[in-house]
């Protein structure tokens, strides 16, 4: 069993309120859950209007597959026009 965990910080230029932030974060989180079948949550910066930290986790049988899914998600986040990926880090562990 292979477990992959990734955390990333995004900035959302132009956001002025937490309400705007949540309106932009909710569809992103839901899309990751739906398209990649990962567990996702906002994990930090909840009270910051123009930035957010999201983490996701996934389990697989093969380290290469888990790494591929993490790479695809990071690439997807980088392609989004309304957010800027500030940083990301991940860990893959065999059990």
N, C-alpha and C. Protein backbone atom coordinates (compact mmCIF):
# COMPACT_ATOMS: atom_id res chain seq x y z
N UNK A 1 0.85 -1.17 0.00
CA UNK A 1 0.00 0.00 0.00
C UNK A 1 0.90 1.24 0.00
N UNK A 2 0.55 2.18 -0.85
CA UNK A 2 1.31 3.42 -0.97
C UNK A 2 0.37 4.59 -0.68
N UNK A 3 0.83 5.49 0.20
CA UNK A 3 0.03 6.66 0.58
C UNK A 3 0.77 7.92 0.13
N UNK A 4 0.06 8.78 -0.58
CA UNK A 4 0.61 10.06 -1.00
C UNK A 4 -0.15 11.20 -0.36
N UNK A 5 0.59 12.17 0.14
CA UNK A 5 -0.01 13.36 0.76
C UNK A 5 0.66 14.58 0.15
N UNK A 6 -0.14 15.57 -0.21
CA UNK A 6 0.39 16.80 -0.79
C UNK A 6 -0.31 18.00 -0.17
N UNK A 7 0.47 19.03 0.10
CA UNK A 7 -0.07 20.29 0.62
C UNK A 7 0.40 21.40 -0.30
N UNK A 8 -0.51 22.29 -0.66
CA UNK A 8 -0.10 23.42 -1.47
C UNK A 8 -0.77 24.70 -0.98
N UNK A 9 -0.08 25.80 -1.23
CA UNK A 9 -0.56 27.13 -0.86
C UNK A 9 -0.82 27.89 -2.15
N UNK A 10 -2.01 28.47 -2.25
CA UNK A 10 -2.35 29.26 -3.42
C UNK A 10 -2.71 30.68 -2.98
N UNK A 11 -2.44 31.62 -3.85
CA UNK A 11 -2.91 32.98 -3.61
C UNK A 11 -4.01 33.26 -4.62
N UNK A 12 -4.93 34.12 -4.22
CA UNK A 12 -6.07 34.47 -5.06
C UNK A 12 -6.11 35.99 -5.18
N UNK A 13 -5.37 36.53 -6.13
CA UNK A 13 -5.32 37.98 -6.29
C UNK A 13 -6.71 38.56 -6.51
N UNK A 14 -6.96 39.67 -5.86
CA UNK A 14 -8.25 40.34 -6.03
C UNK A 14 -9.29 39.98 -5.00
N UNK A 15 -9.08 38.91 -4.25
CA UNK A 15 -10.05 38.57 -3.21
C UNK A 15 -10.00 39.61 -2.10
N UNK A 16 -11.18 40.03 -1.67
CA UNK A 16 -11.24 41.03 -0.61
C UNK A 16 -11.95 40.51 0.63
N UNK A 17 -12.60 39.37 0.53
CA UNK A 17 -13.33 38.86 1.68
C UNK A 17 -13.22 37.34 1.75
N UNK A 18 -13.49 36.83 2.94
CA UNK A 18 -13.49 35.38 3.12
C UNK A 18 -14.61 34.73 2.31
N UNK A 19 -15.70 35.45 2.13
CA UNK A 19 -16.81 34.93 1.33
C UNK A 19 -16.38 34.70 -0.12
N UNK A 20 -15.66 35.66 -0.69
CA UNK A 20 -15.14 35.50 -2.05
C UNK A 20 -14.16 34.32 -2.11
N UNK A 21 -13.30 34.23 -1.10
CA UNK A 21 -12.32 33.16 -1.08
C UNK A 21 -13.02 31.80 -1.07
N UNK A 22 -13.99 31.64 -0.21
CA UNK A 22 -14.68 30.35 -0.10
C UNK A 22 -15.44 30.02 -1.38
N UNK A 23 -15.94 31.05 -2.05
CA UNK A 23 -16.64 30.83 -3.32
C UNK A 23 -15.67 30.33 -4.40
N UNK A 24 -14.40 30.65 -4.28
CA UNK A 24 -13.41 30.17 -5.24
C UNK A 24 -12.78 28.85 -4.81
N UNK A 25 -12.68 28.63 -3.50
CA UNK A 25 -12.06 27.40 -2.98
C UNK A 25 -12.99 26.20 -3.11
N UNK A 26 -14.26 26.40 -2.84
CA UNK A 26 -15.21 25.28 -2.85
C UNK A 26 -15.22 24.53 -4.18
N UNK A 27 -15.34 25.22 -5.33
CA UNK A 27 -15.33 24.48 -6.60
C UNK A 27 -14.00 23.77 -6.87
N UNK A 28 -12.90 24.36 -6.44
CA UNK A 28 -11.59 23.75 -6.62
C UNK A 28 -11.51 22.44 -5.83
N UNK A 29 -11.90 22.48 -4.58
CA UNK A 29 -11.87 21.29 -3.73
C UNK A 29 -12.80 20.22 -4.30
N UNK A 30 -13.99 20.61 -4.70
CA UNK A 30 -14.94 19.64 -5.25
C UNK A 30 -14.43 19.03 -6.55
N UNK A 31 -13.77 19.82 -7.39
CA UNK A 31 -13.24 19.30 -8.65
C UNK A 31 -12.12 18.29 -8.39
N UNK A 32 -11.28 18.56 -7.41
CA UNK A 32 -10.21 17.60 -7.09
C UNK A 32 -10.80 16.29 -6.59
N UNK A 33 -11.81 16.39 -5.74
CA UNK A 33 -12.46 15.18 -5.22
C UNK A 33 -13.09 14.38 -6.35
N UNK A 34 -13.77 15.06 -7.23
CA UNK A 34 -14.51 14.39 -8.30
C UNK A 34 -13.58 13.82 -9.37
N UNK A 35 -12.63 14.62 -9.83
CA UNK A 35 -11.81 14.22 -10.96
C UNK A 35 -10.66 13.28 -10.62
N UNK A 36 -10.17 13.36 -9.38
CA UNK A 36 -8.99 12.57 -9.02
C UNK A 36 -9.24 11.58 -7.88
N UNK A 37 -10.43 11.57 -7.33
CA UNK A 37 -10.80 10.63 -6.27
C UNK A 37 -9.82 10.69 -5.09
N UNK A 38 -9.54 11.90 -4.62
CA UNK A 38 -8.65 12.10 -3.48
C UNK A 38 -9.44 12.73 -2.33
N UNK A 39 -8.93 12.57 -1.14
CA UNK A 39 -9.50 13.26 0.03
C UNK A 39 -8.86 14.64 0.09
N UNK A 40 -9.67 15.69 0.19
CA UNK A 40 -9.18 17.06 0.12
C UNK A 40 -9.76 17.89 1.25
N UNK A 41 -8.95 18.81 1.79
CA UNK A 41 -9.44 19.73 2.81
C UNK A 41 -8.61 21.01 2.79
N UNK A 42 -9.26 22.11 3.17
CA UNK A 42 -8.51 23.35 3.42
C UNK A 42 -7.88 23.19 4.79
N UNK A 43 -6.56 23.33 4.87
CA UNK A 43 -5.86 22.96 6.11
C UNK A 43 -5.19 24.13 6.83
N UNK A 44 -5.13 25.29 6.22
CA UNK A 44 -4.46 26.42 6.86
C UNK A 44 -4.90 27.70 6.16
N UNK A 45 -4.61 28.82 6.76
CA UNK A 45 -4.92 30.14 6.22
C UNK A 45 -6.42 30.35 6.03
N UNK A 46 -7.23 29.72 6.87
CA UNK A 46 -8.68 29.83 6.73
C UNK A 46 -9.18 31.27 6.91
N UNK A 47 -8.48 32.07 7.67
CA UNK A 47 -8.92 33.44 7.93
C UNK A 47 -8.16 34.47 7.11
N UNK A 48 -7.53 34.03 6.04
CA UNK A 48 -6.81 34.93 5.14
C UNK A 48 -7.61 35.01 3.83
N UNK A 49 -8.01 36.21 3.46
CA UNK A 49 -8.92 36.36 2.32
C UNK A 49 -8.27 36.09 0.97
N UNK A 50 -6.97 36.34 0.83
CA UNK A 50 -6.36 36.23 -0.49
C UNK A 50 -5.42 35.04 -0.66
N UNK A 51 -5.46 34.09 0.27
CA UNK A 51 -4.62 32.90 0.17
C UNK A 51 -5.29 31.73 0.87
N UNK A 52 -4.87 30.54 0.48
CA UNK A 52 -5.41 29.35 1.12
C UNK A 52 -4.43 28.20 1.03
N UNK A 53 -4.53 27.28 1.95
CA UNK A 53 -3.70 26.08 1.94
C UNK A 53 -4.62 24.87 1.86
N UNK A 54 -4.37 24.03 0.90
CA UNK A 54 -5.18 22.84 0.67
C UNK A 54 -4.26 21.62 0.72
N UNK A 55 -4.77 20.55 1.29
CA UNK A 55 -4.02 19.29 1.30
C UNK A 55 -4.92 18.19 0.76
N UNK A 56 -4.29 17.21 0.14
CA UNK A 56 -5.05 16.05 -0.32
C UNK A 56 -4.22 14.80 -0.06
N UNK A 57 -4.93 13.68 0.02
CA UNK A 57 -4.28 12.39 0.25
C UNK A 57 -4.91 11.35 -0.66
N UNK A 58 -4.10 10.39 -1.05
CA UNK A 58 -4.60 9.29 -1.85
C UNK A 58 -3.83 8.02 -1.52
N UNK A 59 -4.47 6.89 -1.76
CA UNK A 59 -3.89 5.58 -1.49
C UNK A 59 -3.90 4.79 -2.79
N UNK A 60 -2.82 4.07 -3.05
CA UNK A 60 -2.75 3.25 -4.25
C UNK A 60 -1.88 2.03 -4.02
N UNK A 61 -1.75 1.23 -5.05
CA UNK A 61 -0.93 0.02 -4.99
C UNK A 61 0.49 0.24 -5.48
N UNK A 62 0.69 1.32 -6.23
CA UNK A 62 1.95 1.53 -6.94
C UNK A 62 2.45 2.95 -6.70
N UNK A 63 3.70 3.08 -6.29
CA UNK A 63 4.29 4.40 -6.01
C UNK A 63 4.27 5.29 -7.26
N UNK A 64 4.53 4.70 -8.40
CA UNK A 64 4.57 5.47 -9.65
C UNK A 64 3.19 6.08 -9.97
N UNK A 65 2.13 5.31 -9.73
CA UNK A 65 0.78 5.79 -9.99
C UNK A 65 0.42 6.93 -9.04
N UNK A 66 0.73 6.76 -7.77
CA UNK A 66 0.44 7.81 -6.78
C UNK A 66 1.20 9.08 -7.14
N UNK A 67 2.47 8.95 -7.49
CA UNK A 67 3.27 10.11 -7.87
C UNK A 67 2.69 10.78 -9.12
N UNK A 68 2.21 10.01 -10.07
CA UNK A 68 1.62 10.54 -11.28
C UNK A 68 0.36 11.36 -10.99
N UNK A 69 -0.48 10.86 -10.12
CA UNK A 69 -1.70 11.59 -9.75
C UNK A 69 -1.35 12.90 -9.06
N UNK A 70 -0.38 12.87 -8.15
CA UNK A 70 0.04 14.10 -7.47
C UNK A 70 0.55 15.11 -8.50
N UNK A 71 1.38 14.65 -9.43
CA UNK A 71 1.90 15.55 -10.48
C UNK A 71 0.78 16.15 -11.32
N UNK A 72 -0.20 15.33 -11.69
CA UNK A 72 -1.33 15.83 -12.50
C UNK A 72 -2.12 16.89 -11.75
N UNK A 73 -2.34 16.68 -10.46
CA UNK A 73 -3.09 17.66 -9.66
C UNK A 73 -2.31 18.97 -9.56
N UNK A 74 -1.02 18.88 -9.29
CA UNK A 74 -0.20 20.10 -9.19
C UNK A 74 -0.20 20.84 -10.53
N UNK A 75 -0.08 20.11 -11.64
CA UNK A 75 -0.14 20.74 -12.96
C UNK A 75 -1.48 21.43 -13.19
N UNK A 76 -2.55 20.78 -12.77
CA UNK A 76 -3.91 21.36 -12.91
C UNK A 76 -4.02 22.66 -12.13
N UNK A 77 -3.50 22.68 -10.92
CA UNK A 77 -3.55 23.90 -10.10
C UNK A 77 -2.73 25.01 -10.77
N UNK A 78 -1.57 24.66 -11.32
CA UNK A 78 -0.73 25.66 -12.00
C UNK A 78 -1.41 26.25 -13.23
N UNK A 79 -2.29 25.49 -13.86
CA UNK A 79 -2.97 25.96 -15.07
C UNK A 79 -4.16 26.88 -14.80
N UNK A 80 -4.65 26.90 -13.57
CA UNK A 80 -5.81 27.72 -13.26
C UNK A 80 -5.47 29.19 -13.40
N UNK A 81 -6.37 29.93 -14.03
CA UNK A 81 -6.12 31.35 -14.29
C UNK A 81 -6.38 32.23 -13.07
N UNK A 82 -7.28 31.81 -12.19
CA UNK A 82 -7.67 32.70 -11.09
C UNK A 82 -6.93 32.46 -9.79
N UNK A 83 -5.99 31.52 -9.76
CA UNK A 83 -5.17 31.30 -8.57
C UNK A 83 -3.71 31.17 -8.97
N UNK A 84 -2.82 31.45 -8.02
CA UNK A 84 -1.38 31.34 -8.25
C UNK A 84 -0.84 30.34 -7.24
N UNK A 85 -0.20 29.29 -7.73
CA UNK A 85 0.42 28.30 -6.85
C UNK A 85 1.68 28.90 -6.25
N UNK A 86 1.67 29.09 -4.93
CA UNK A 86 2.81 29.69 -4.25
C UNK A 86 3.86 28.65 -3.86
N UNK A 87 3.39 27.54 -3.34
CA UNK A 87 4.32 26.48 -2.94
C UNK A 87 3.56 25.17 -2.83
N UNK A 88 4.29 24.10 -2.91
CA UNK A 88 3.69 22.78 -2.67
C UNK A 88 4.78 21.82 -2.21
N UNK A 89 4.38 20.86 -1.41
CA UNK A 89 5.27 19.80 -1.01
C UNK A 89 4.48 18.52 -0.86
N UNK A 90 5.13 17.40 -1.06
CA UNK A 90 4.41 16.13 -0.97
C UNK A 90 5.30 15.06 -0.38
N UNK A 91 4.66 14.02 0.09
CA UNK A 91 5.36 12.87 0.64
C UNK A 91 4.64 11.61 0.19
N UNK A 92 5.40 10.62 -0.21
CA UNK A 92 4.84 9.33 -0.59
C UNK A 92 5.49 8.28 0.31
N UNK A 93 4.65 7.49 0.95
CA UNK A 93 5.13 6.51 1.93
C UNK A 93 4.60 5.13 1.59
N UNK A 94 5.45 4.14 1.69
CA UNK A 94 5.05 2.74 1.53
C UNK A 94 4.68 2.15 2.89
N UNK A 95 3.60 1.39 2.93
CA UNK A 95 3.20 0.69 4.15
C UNK A 95 3.14 -0.78 3.89
